Amino acid sequence: MPVPSSSRFDERKRRLSGVVAVPVTPFGADGAVDTETYAKLVDRVITAGVEVVTPNGNTGEFYALDEAETRHCLELTVEAAAGRAIVVAGVGHDLRTAIAAARHAREAGAELIMIHQPVHPYVSAEGWVEYHRAIAAAVPELGVVPYVRDARIEGEQLARLGDAAENVIGVKYAVPDPVRFASVARDAGLARFVWIAGLAELSAPGYFAVGATGFTSGLVNVAPSLSLEMFRSLRDGDFGAAMACWERVRPFEELRAADGNANNVSVVKEALAQLGLCRRDVRPPSRPLTGEERGKVAGALENRPPRRNVF
């Protein structure tokens, strides 16, 4: 397959500067991926106006899915997107598995891949660059977005990766430190990559203030209009309006962050279950919410003064 022209990369970069939806993976009563519900959830966020969808992200329980399931979820996403949004396939694990997943993503019709932060107890800076370079080299037709969760990855490594792999076009930055993000982005090249705030709506205003132009979202599964409203405010530099959205998002997102983010996916699926959109089931090592926690999700979804409904 031919390497895409720079203009095609430019269009992918433009779309990355927005809300990057990470869909949940719904499970049926038998514990398998619920194909029909998955397609409906993806269609729902795209119909609302989201232009980028990342199957097999952390909100999609990537590490709880087997290889066949991740391929299935990607294929379902491409089919549901139907050209209305670009698909950024999450890939990871060992190098051989990640390359195979990237090649499958290419054949399935994805336009980009997002490479999960390597899960390994011994990650060197040089090894991090080589891991990403090798995956990017295997799919030169696709745009590549590294997912940075390790504060030891600095601008120097990202710049070296960009030199070695021109199809690395964006960075999903999820280190909870906007000052460090500002430094890393500038050391790597602020204009060189699309910088995506990888810690979702609560962190987005701070990261946009210092250079981010897009943010990832799990909340978008529940309230796509609210995520898009926040993005438009940040894009237009209206931080007052963005922070008004932030106040509405805060109760829900704080529930997700509880217990060291243990409830991250469980809260989203619980909200979707209460809205009648999918089952609440999650796989270990996540856990279902307690009755008390479910009540808090219900409270976040209801219009209870003084806090506004998340919708």
Protein backbone atom coordinates (compact mmCIF):
# COMPACT_ATOMS: atom_id res chain seq x y z
CA MET A 1 0.00 0.00 0.00
CA PRO A 2 1.32 3.50 -0.79
CA VAL A 3 2.40 5.82 1.98
CA PRO A 4 -0.23 8.59 2.28
CA SER A 5 0.64 12.07 1.16
CA SER A 6 1.32 14.79 3.69
CA SER A 7 -2.11 16.28 2.95
CA ARG A 8 -3.76 13.06 4.16
CA PHE A 9 -1.70 13.17 7.34
CA ASP A 10 -2.76 16.80 7.75
CA GLU A 11 -6.43 15.82 7.70
CA ARG A 12 -5.82 13.18 10.34
CA LYS A 13 -3.99 15.73 12.47
CA ARG A 14 -6.86 18.16 12.09
CA ARG A 15 -9.35 15.61 13.36
CA LEU A 16 -7.11 14.60 16.26
CA SER A 17 -7.47 18.20 17.43
CA GLY A 18 -10.86 17.51 18.96
CA VAL A 19 -12.69 15.06 21.20
CA VAL A 20 -11.10 11.62 20.93
CA ALA A 21 -13.78 9.19 22.08
CA VAL A 22 -12.75 5.96 23.79
CA PRO A 23 -15.79 3.66 23.68
CA VAL A 24 -16.57 1.12 26.36
CA THR A 25 -16.70 -2.54 25.40
CA PRO A 26 -20.16 -3.82 26.40
CA PHE A 27 -20.55 -7.44 27.43
CA GLY A 28 -23.64 -9.60 27.10
CA ALA A 29 -25.16 -11.88 29.69
CA ASP A 30 -22.83 -14.63 28.49
CA GLY A 31 -19.76 -12.47 29.14
CA ALA A 32 -18.89 -12.09 25.46
CA VAL A 33 -18.59 -8.78 23.61
CA ASP A 34 -22.10 -7.54 22.81
CA THR A 35 -21.70 -6.80 19.11
CA GLU A 36 -25.02 -5.06 18.54
CA THR A 37 -24.73 -2.80 21.57
CA TYR A 38 -21.12 -1.94 20.77
CA ALA A 39 -22.07 -0.75 17.29
CA LYS A 40 -24.94 1.32 18.68
CA LEU A 41 -22.71 3.04 21.26
CA VAL A 42 -20.12 3.96 18.62
CA ASP A 43 -22.82 5.22 16.26
CA ARG A 44 -24.27 7.33 19.09
CA VAL A 45 -21.08 9.32 19.70
CA ILE A 46 -20.35 9.77 16.00
CA THR A 47 -23.90 10.91 15.28
CA ALA A 48 -23.47 13.48 18.06
CA GLY A 49 -20.53 14.98 16.15
CA VAL A 50 -17.40 13.20 17.40
CA GLU A 51 -14.84 12.75 14.60
CA VAL A 52 -12.29 10.41 16.24
CA VAL A 53 -12.94 7.05 17.91
CA THR A 54 -10.35 4.85 19.65
CA PRO A 55 -11.44 1.22 20.05
CA ASN A 56 -9.31 -0.85 22.43
CA GLY A 57 -8.41 2.02 24.72
CA ASN A 58 -8.32 1.79 28.50
CA THR A 59 -11.99 2.78 28.80
CA GLY A 60 -12.61 -0.14 26.43
CA GLU A 61 -10.87 -2.52 28.90
CA PHE A 62 -8.05 -3.24 26.44
CA TYR A 63 -6.06 -5.32 28.91
CA ALA A 64 -9.08 -7.50 29.73
CA LEU A 65 -9.73 -8.43 26.09
CA ASP A 66 -8.08 -11.23 24.18
CA GLU A 67 -6.59 -10.78 20.71
CA ALA A 68 -9.69 -11.99 18.86
CA GLU A 69 -11.88 -9.60 20.86
CA THR A 70 -9.69 -6.58 20.18
CA ARG A 71 -9.77 -7.36 16.46
CA HIS A 72 -13.52 -7.75 16.60
CA CYS A 73 -13.99 -4.43 18.42
CA LEU A 74 -11.82 -2.65 15.87
CA GLU A 75 -13.75 -4.12 12.97
CA LEU A 76 -17.06 -3.17 14.58
CA THR A 77 -15.81 0.39 15.06
CA VAL A 78 -14.68 0.78 11.46
CA GLU A 79 -18.02 -0.54 10.25
CA ALA A 80 -20.00 1.74 12.57
CA ALA A 81 -17.87 4.78 11.68
CA ALA A 82 -18.62 4.22 7.98
CA GLY A 83 -16.35 7.07 6.92
CA ARG A 84 -18.03 9.59 9.24
CA ALA A 85 -15.16 9.52 11.75
CA ILE A 86 -11.57 8.32 11.73
CA VAL A 87 -10.64 5.25 13.73
CA VAL A 88 -7.53 5.16 15.94
CA ALA A 89 -6.89 1.54 16.89
CA GLY A 90 -5.37 0.86 20.29
CA VAL A 91 -2.44 -1.57 20.08
CA GLY A 92 0.12 -2.78 22.58
CA HIS A 93 1.60 -5.69 24.58
CA ASP A 94 4.83 -7.27 23.29
CA LEU A 95 6.36 -5.91 20.10
CA ARG A 96 5.30 -8.78 17.86
CA THR A 97 1.70 -8.63 19.11
CA ALA A 98 1.58 -4.86 18.72
CA ILE A 99 2.88 -5.02 15.14
CA ALA A 100 0.37 -7.72 14.24
CA ALA A 101 -2.44 -5.61 15.71
CA ALA A 102 -1.22 -2.54 13.81
CA ARG A 103 -1.19 -4.45 10.53
CA HIS A 104 -4.66 -5.80 11.20
CA ALA A 105 -5.82 -2.24 11.92
CA ARG A 106 -4.48 -1.16 8.54
CA GLU A 107 -6.23 -3.99 6.73
CA ALA A 108 -9.46 -3.40 8.62
CA GLY A 109 -9.59 0.26 7.55
CA ALA A 110 -8.32 2.22 10.53
CA GLU A 111 -6.49 5.46 9.73
CA LEU A 112 -4.29 5.61 12.83
CA ILE A 113 -3.02 3.54 15.73
CA MET A 114 -2.57 4.56 19.34
CA ILE A 115 0.30 2.67 21.00
CA HIS A 116 -0.36 1.94 24.67
CA GLN A 117 2.35 2.80 27.16
CA PRO A 118 4.52 -0.37 27.39
CA VAL A 119 3.57 -2.48 30.41
CA HIS A 120 7.01 -3.62 31.49
CA PRO A 121 8.91 -3.20 34.77
CA TYR A 122 12.13 -2.20 32.98
CA VAL A 123 11.58 0.53 30.39
CA SER A 124 14.64 2.40 29.13
CA ALA A 125 14.40 5.64 27.17
CA GLU A 126 16.19 4.05 24.22
CA GLY A 127 13.98 0.95 24.39
CA TRP A 128 10.85 3.10 24.50
CA VAL A 129 11.89 4.89 21.29
CA GLU A 130 12.77 1.62 19.54
CA TYR A 131 9.50 -0.06 20.56
CA HIS A 132 7.46 2.74 19.02
CA ARG A 133 9.73 3.14 16.00
CA ALA A 134 9.42 -0.54 15.10
CA ILE A 135 5.63 -0.48 15.31
CA ALA A 136 5.39 2.74 13.29
CA ALA A 137 7.74 1.33 10.63
CA ALA A 138 5.49 -1.70 10.18
CA VAL A 139 2.54 0.49 9.13
CA PRO A 140 3.93 3.59 7.33
CA GLU A 141 0.48 4.19 5.80
CA LEU A 142 -1.05 4.85 9.22
CA GLY A 143 -0.73 7.82 11.52
CA VAL A 144 0.75 6.89 14.90
CA VAL A 145 -0.03 8.31 18.34
CA PRO A 146 2.11 7.21 21.32
CA TYR A 147 0.27 7.08 24.66
CA VAL A 148 2.62 8.63 27.23
CA ARG A 149 1.88 7.81 30.87
CA ASP A 150 5.48 7.71 32.11
CA ALA A 151 6.96 10.96 33.38
CA ARG A 152 10.42 9.71 32.44
CA ILE A 153 9.57 10.06 28.75
CA GLU A 154 10.82 13.51 27.83
CA GLY A 155 10.69 15.75 24.81
CA GLU A 156 14.05 14.41 23.66
CA GLN A 157 12.66 10.89 23.21
CA LEU A 158 9.58 12.14 21.37
CA ALA A 159 11.71 14.27 19.05
CA ARG A 160 13.96 11.28 18.30
CA LEU A 161 10.92 9.15 17.59
CA GLY A 162 9.54 11.79 15.23
CA ASP A 163 12.89 11.89 13.39
CA ALA A 164 12.87 8.10 13.03
CA ALA A 165 9.19 7.71 12.08
CA GLU A 166 7.52 10.51 10.16
CA ASN A 167 4.10 8.90 10.56
CA VAL A 168 4.15 9.67 14.31
CA ILE A 169 1.81 12.64 14.12
CA GLY A 170 0.34 13.01 17.60
CA VAL A 171 1.00 12.39 21.28
CA LYS A 172 -1.58 11.36 23.85
CA TYR A 173 -0.06 12.78 27.04
CA ALA A 174 -1.43 11.39 30.29
CA VAL A 175 1.11 12.40 32.92
CA PRO A 176 -0.88 14.39 35.54
CA ASP A 177 1.34 17.48 35.45
CA PRO A 178 0.48 20.33 33.07
CA VAL A 179 3.78 22.08 33.76
CA ARG A 180 5.72 19.01 32.72
CA PHE A 181 3.46 18.61 29.70
CA ALA A 182 4.20 22.19 28.62
CA SER A 183 7.94 21.52 28.85
CA VAL A 184 7.82 18.14 27.11
CA ALA A 185 5.68 19.49 24.27
CA ARG A 186 8.02 22.38 23.65
CA ASP A 187 11.15 20.28 23.89
CA ALA A 188 9.68 17.79 21.38
CA GLY A 189 8.23 20.47 19.13
CA LEU A 190 4.89 22.06 19.91
CA ALA A 191 3.94 22.39 16.23
CA ARG A 192 5.45 19.06 15.25
CA PHE A 193 2.75 16.84 16.79
CA VAL A 194 -0.91 17.08 17.73
CA TRP A 195 -0.89 17.20 21.52
CA ILE A 196 -3.83 15.39 23.09
CA ALA A 197 -4.70 15.78 26.76
CA GLY A 198 -4.92 12.12 27.74
CA LEU A 199 -6.54 12.59 31.13
CA ALA A 200 -9.92 13.65 29.75
CA GLU A 201 -12.20 16.56 30.64
CA LEU A 202 -10.96 17.39 34.13
CA SER A 203 -7.43 18.03 32.89
CA ALA A 204 -8.31 19.47 29.49
CA PRO A 205 -8.51 23.19 30.40
CA GLY A 206 -5.08 23.15 32.06
CA TYR A 207 -3.48 21.27 29.19
CA PHE A 208 -5.16 23.40 26.51
CA ALA A 209 -3.81 26.50 28.25
CA VAL A 210 -0.26 25.32 27.53
CA GLY A 211 -0.59 23.73 24.10
CA ALA A 212 -2.99 20.78 23.83
CA THR A 213 -5.51 20.94 20.99
CA GLY A 214 -7.51 17.77 21.67
CA PHE A 215 -8.53 15.58 24.59
CA THR A 216 -9.58 11.99 25.10
CA SER A 217 -12.91 11.18 26.70
CA GLY A 218 -14.71 8.30 28.34
CA LEU A 219 -17.52 10.57 29.52
CA VAL A 220 -18.41 11.04 25.85
CA ASN A 221 -20.01 7.58 25.98
CA VAL A 222 -22.56 9.03 28.40
CA ALA A 223 -22.88 12.70 27.45
CA PRO A 224 -21.33 13.38 24.03
CA SER A 225 -22.89 16.83 23.73
CA LEU A 226 -21.21 17.97 26.94
CA SER A 227 -17.75 16.77 25.85
CA LEU A 228 -18.18 18.53 22.51
CA GLU A 229 -19.39 21.70 24.23
CA MET A 230 -16.25 21.77 26.37
CA PHE A 231 -14.03 21.21 23.33
CA ARG A 232 -15.62 24.03 21.36
CA SER A 233 -15.11 26.40 24.29
CA LEU A 234 -11.46 25.41 24.64
CA ARG A 235 -10.87 25.64 20.89
CA ASP A 236 -12.32 29.14 20.87
CA GLY A 237 -10.30 30.22 23.92
CA ASP A 238 -13.41 30.72 26.06
CA PHE A 239 -12.06 29.31 29.30
CA GLY A 240 -14.98 30.69 31.29
CA ALA A 241 -17.41 28.57 29.31
CA ALA A 242 -15.02 25.61 29.42
CA MET A 243 -14.84 25.81 33.20
CA ALA A 244 -18.63 25.94 33.40
CA CYS A 245 -18.57 22.57 31.60
CA TRP A 246 -15.81 21.46 33.93
CA GLU A 247 -18.02 22.12 36.95
CA ARG A 248 -20.75 19.96 35.43
CA VAL A 249 -18.30 17.18 34.62
CA ARG A 250 -16.50 17.21 37.93
CA PRO A 251 -18.90 15.10 40.10
CA PHE A 252 -19.04 12.32 37.52
CA GLU A 253 -15.32 12.33 36.75
CA GLU A 254 -14.40 12.32 40.44
CA LEU A 255 -16.46 9.16 40.85
CA ARG A 256 -14.42 7.60 38.05
CA ALA A 257 -11.16 8.63 39.70
CA ALA A 258 -12.11 7.14 43.09
CA ASP A 259 -9.92 4.43 44.61
CA GLY A 260 -6.95 5.21 42.38
CA ASN A 261 -9.07 5.11 39.21
CA ALA A 262 -10.29 1.61 40.03
CA ASN A 263 -13.84 2.71 39.19
CA ASN A 264 -12.96 4.45 35.93
CA VAL A 265 -14.77 2.10 33.57
CA SER A 266 -17.29 0.83 36.12
CA VAL A 267 -18.77 4.31 36.58
CA VAL A 268 -19.17 4.87 32.84
CA LYS A 269 -20.83 1.50 32.34
CA GLU A 270 -23.06 2.05 35.36
CA ALA A 271 -24.22 5.36 33.92
CA LEU A 272 -24.90 3.73 30.56
CA ALA A 273 -26.82 0.94 32.31
CA GLN A 274 -28.95 3.48 34.16
CA LEU A 275 -29.66 5.15 30.82
CA GLY A 276 -30.64 1.79 29.32
CA LEU A 277 -27.79 1.78 26.81
CA CYS A 278 -25.72 -1.24 27.90
CA ARG A 279 -25.12 -3.68 30.71
CA ARG A 280 -22.97 -2.63 33.66
CA ASP A 281 -20.66 -5.69 33.51
CA VAL A 282 -16.90 -5.18 33.71
CA ARG A 283 -14.10 -7.73 33.76
CA PRO A 284 -11.48 -8.24 36.45
CA PRO A 285 -9.32 -6.51 37.53
CA SER A 286 -12.10 -3.88 37.37
CA ARG A 287 -15.13 -4.49 39.59
CA PRO A 288 -18.85 -3.64 39.60
CA LEU A 289 -19.92 -0.72 41.76
CA THR A 290 -21.47 -1.15 45.18
CA GLY A 291 -25.06 -0.12 45.80
CA GLU A 292 -23.88 3.10 47.44
CA GLU A 293 -21.66 3.90 44.48
CA ARG A 294 -24.50 3.25 42.06
CA GLY A 295 -26.57 5.76 43.98
CA LYS A 296 -23.85 8.36 43.54
CA VAL A 297 -23.82 7.76 39.79
CA ALA A 298 -27.59 8.20 39.74
CA GLY A 299 -27.16 11.47 41.62
CA ALA A 300 -24.63 12.70 39.08
CA LEU A 301 -27.05 11.91 36.27
CA GLU A 302 -30.02 13.63 37.89
CA ASN A 303 -30.72 17.34 37.93
CA ARG A 304 -30.11 17.98 41.61
CA PRO A 305 -29.38 21.57 42.63
CA PRO A 306 -26.94 23.12 43.17
CA ARG A 307 -25.14 20.91 40.67
CA ARG A 308 -26.44 20.71 37.13
CA ASN A 309 -27.24 17.54 35.32
CA VAL A 310 -24.22 16.21 33.36
CA PHE A 311 -26.40 16.43 30.26
